[in-house]
Amino acid sequence: MNNNGITYIFIIHIFFYQIHIGSIAYKMKLDVFIFEAFSDM
């Protein structure tokens, strides 16, 4: 049971880590989009 709990925590950690990486990539893409939009003006 203890080993199963560790595996469960590890999976959740990986899951949230991927969401965090995804949000950073999304924000960078958004920043580039805003920068290009302002440079066109």
Protein backbone atom coordinates (compact mmCIF):
# COMPACT_ATOMS: atom_id res chain seq x y z
CA MET A 1 0.00 0.00 0.00
CA ASN A 2 2.86 2.38 0.79
CA ASN A 3 4.49 1.71 -2.58
CA ASN A 4 1.18 2.32 -4.36
CA GLY A 5 0.84 5.69 -2.62
CA ILE A 6 4.31 6.76 -3.74
CA THR A 7 3.46 5.85 -7.34
CA TYR A 8 0.22 7.85 -7.08
CA ILE A 9 2.08 10.95 -5.81
CA PHE A 10 4.71 10.56 -8.55
CA ILE A 11 2.05 10.43 -11.30
CA ILE A 12 0.31 13.54 -9.92
CA HIS A 13 3.67 15.35 -9.75
CA ILE A 14 4.44 14.55 -13.41
CA PHE A 15 0.89 15.58 -14.38
CA PHE A 16 1.13 19.02 -12.72
CA TYR A 17 4.70 19.49 -14.01
CA GLN A 18 3.50 18.99 -17.61
CA ILE A 19 0.66 21.49 -17.06
CA HIS A 20 3.21 24.01 -15.72
CA ILE A 21 5.51 23.55 -18.73
CA GLY A 22 2.51 23.87 -21.05
CA SER A 23 1.39 27.12 -19.44
CA ILE A 24 4.89 28.60 -19.76
CA ALA A 25 5.01 27.65 -23.46
CA TYR A 26 1.53 29.13 -23.95
CA LYS A 27 2.52 32.40 -22.23
CA MET A 28 5.68 32.71 -24.33
CA LYS A 29 3.64 32.14 -27.50
CA LEU A 30 1.16 34.79 -26.32
CA ASP A 31 3.97 37.28 -25.59
CA VAL A 32 5.43 36.77 -29.07
CA PHE A 33 1.97 37.26 -30.61
CA ILE A 34 1.42 40.52 -28.68
CA PHE A 35 4.92 41.77 -29.59
CA GLU A 36 4.35 41.09 -33.31
CA ALA A 37 0.92 42.75 -33.16
CA PHE A 38 2.41 45.93 -31.62
CA SER A 39 5.36 45.99 -34.02
CA ASP A 40 2.94 45.98 -36.96
CA MET A 41 1.15 49.10 -35.70
